[in-house]
Amino acid sequence: MIELADSLDQDLADMRQMIAAYDDAVTMPGRVPDVDADGTGRQATHGPSRPTERIALDDRRLALLEEVHRGAAALPYAVATVRGIVASMDRALARWEGEEPVHDTGE
């Protein structure tokens, strides 16, 4: 079980790095190559520049946001699961140490 906990620690560190990268990335448009479709080495120009609109509607940035929302929805369940495991292990250890089980009625 220690190996799994160590793996979880590493995965959480990786997730923290991703969250830090996402914090910056979700406020900017996705990166695009400097070469336009015709291969001239110039970016194509299409009317007036609208940077705010370009950022807000960028589908790559929206995909990042979708993953952030998906992760934010799943993490409370992961936290609850880990806390439940710790509480169950603590109760079993307390019982093994001779303590009487506590029957909490929630009042």
Protein backbone atom coordinates (compact mmCIF):
# COMPACT_ATOMS: atom_id res chain seq x y z
CA MET A 1 0.00 0.00 0.00
CA ILE A 2 2.98 2.32 0.59
CA GLU A 3 3.93 2.02 -3.09
CA LEU A 4 0.44 3.12 -4.13
CA ALA A 5 0.55 6.07 -1.72
CA ASP A 6 3.96 7.06 -3.12
CA SER A 7 2.53 6.84 -6.63
CA LEU A 8 -0.39 9.03 -5.58
CA ASP A 9 2.07 11.58 -4.15
CA GLN A 10 3.91 11.71 -7.48
CA ASP A 11 0.68 11.97 -9.44
CA LEU A 12 -0.44 14.86 -7.23
CA ALA A 13 2.88 16.64 -7.82
CA ASP A 14 2.41 16.18 -11.57
CA MET A 15 -1.13 17.54 -11.31
CA ARG A 16 0.10 20.60 -9.39
CA GLN A 17 2.55 21.33 -12.23
CA MET A 18 -0.25 21.03 -14.77
CA ILE A 19 -2.49 23.34 -12.75
CA ALA A 20 0.29 25.95 -12.64
CA ALA A 21 0.73 25.70 -16.42
CA TYR A 22 -3.03 25.86 -16.98
CA ASP A 23 -3.34 29.01 -14.83
CA ASP A 24 -1.35 30.90 -17.45
CA ALA A 25 -2.55 29.03 -20.53
CA VAL A 26 -6.29 29.54 -20.03
CA THR A 27 -5.87 33.31 -20.23
CA MET A 28 -4.14 33.23 -23.62
CA PRO A 29 -5.02 31.97 -27.08
CA GLY A 30 -3.53 28.67 -28.20
CA ARG A 31 -0.14 28.86 -29.82
CA VAL A 32 -0.12 28.75 -33.59
CA PRO A 33 2.71 28.21 -36.03
CA ASP A 34 4.21 31.31 -37.63
CA VAL A 35 3.53 29.95 -41.10
CA ASP A 36 0.15 30.37 -42.72
CA ALA A 37 -1.61 27.79 -44.86
CA ASP A 38 0.10 28.77 -48.09
CA GLY A 39 3.55 28.26 -46.56
CA THR A 40 4.83 31.78 -47.22
CA GLY A 41 6.13 32.21 -43.71
CA ARG A 42 3.64 34.96 -42.94
CA GLN A 43 0.60 34.79 -40.79
CA ALA A 44 -2.57 35.42 -42.70
CA THR A 45 -4.43 38.61 -41.94
CA HIS A 46 -8.18 38.57 -41.93
CA GLY A 47 -9.68 41.94 -41.15
CA PRO A 48 -9.23 43.91 -37.94
CA SER A 49 -7.38 42.45 -34.98
CA ARG A 50 -9.72 41.33 -32.18
CA PRO A 51 -7.44 39.81 -29.54
CA THR A 52 -10.08 39.47 -26.79
CA GLU A 53 -12.50 37.73 -29.14
CA ARG A 54 -9.71 35.53 -30.47
CA ILE A 55 -8.77 34.46 -26.94
CA ALA A 56 -12.37 33.91 -25.80
CA LEU A 57 -13.29 31.79 -28.82
CA ASP A 58 -10.08 29.81 -29.18
CA ASP A 59 -11.10 26.14 -29.22
CA ARG A 60 -7.76 24.96 -27.86
CA ARG A 61 -8.10 27.29 -24.87
CA LEU A 62 -11.69 26.09 -24.42
CA ALA A 63 -10.42 22.48 -24.38
CA LEU A 64 -8.06 23.42 -21.54
CA LEU A 65 -10.94 24.96 -19.62
CA GLU A 66 -13.02 21.84 -20.16
CA GLU A 67 -10.28 19.71 -18.61
CA VAL A 68 -9.99 22.12 -15.67
CA HIS A 69 -13.74 21.86 -15.05
CA ARG A 70 -13.67 18.07 -15.41
CA GLY A 71 -10.81 17.81 -12.92
CA ALA A 72 -12.44 20.25 -10.51
CA ALA A 73 -15.60 18.13 -10.56
CA ALA A 74 -13.69 14.87 -9.92
CA LEU A 75 -11.26 16.03 -7.23
CA PRO A 76 -13.79 16.36 -4.38
CA TYR A 77 -14.65 12.67 -4.85
CA ALA A 78 -10.96 11.76 -4.79
CA VAL A 79 -10.41 13.79 -1.61
CA ALA A 80 -13.48 12.21 0.02
CA THR A 81 -12.27 8.73 -0.93
CA VAL A 82 -8.81 9.27 0.57
CA ARG A 83 -10.29 10.81 3.73
CA GLY A 84 -12.70 7.88 4.04
CA ILE A 85 -9.86 5.38 3.71
CA VAL A 86 -7.83 7.20 6.39
CA ALA A 87 -10.83 7.36 8.75
CA SER A 88 -11.61 3.65 8.26
CA MET A 89 -7.99 2.69 8.86
CA ASP A 90 -7.90 4.90 11.96
CA ARG A 91 -11.03 3.26 13.37
CA ALA A 92 -9.67 -0.23 12.71
CA LEU A 93 -6.35 0.67 14.35
CA ALA A 94 -8.12 2.16 17.36
CA ARG A 95 -10.18 -1.01 17.72
CA TRP A 96 -7.02 -3.14 17.42
CA GLU A 97 -5.48 -1.00 20.20
CA GLY A 98 -8.41 -1.95 22.42
CA GLU A 99 -10.57 1.16 22.17
CA GLU A 100 -14.29 0.69 22.11
CA PRO A 101 -15.95 1.57 18.80
CA VAL A 102 -17.58 4.99 18.79
CA HIS A 103 -21.13 4.97 17.52
CA ASP A 104 -21.78 8.55 16.45
CA THR A 105 -25.41 9.40 15.84
CA GLY A 106 -24.46 12.70 14.23
CA GLU A 107 -26.08 14.78 16.97
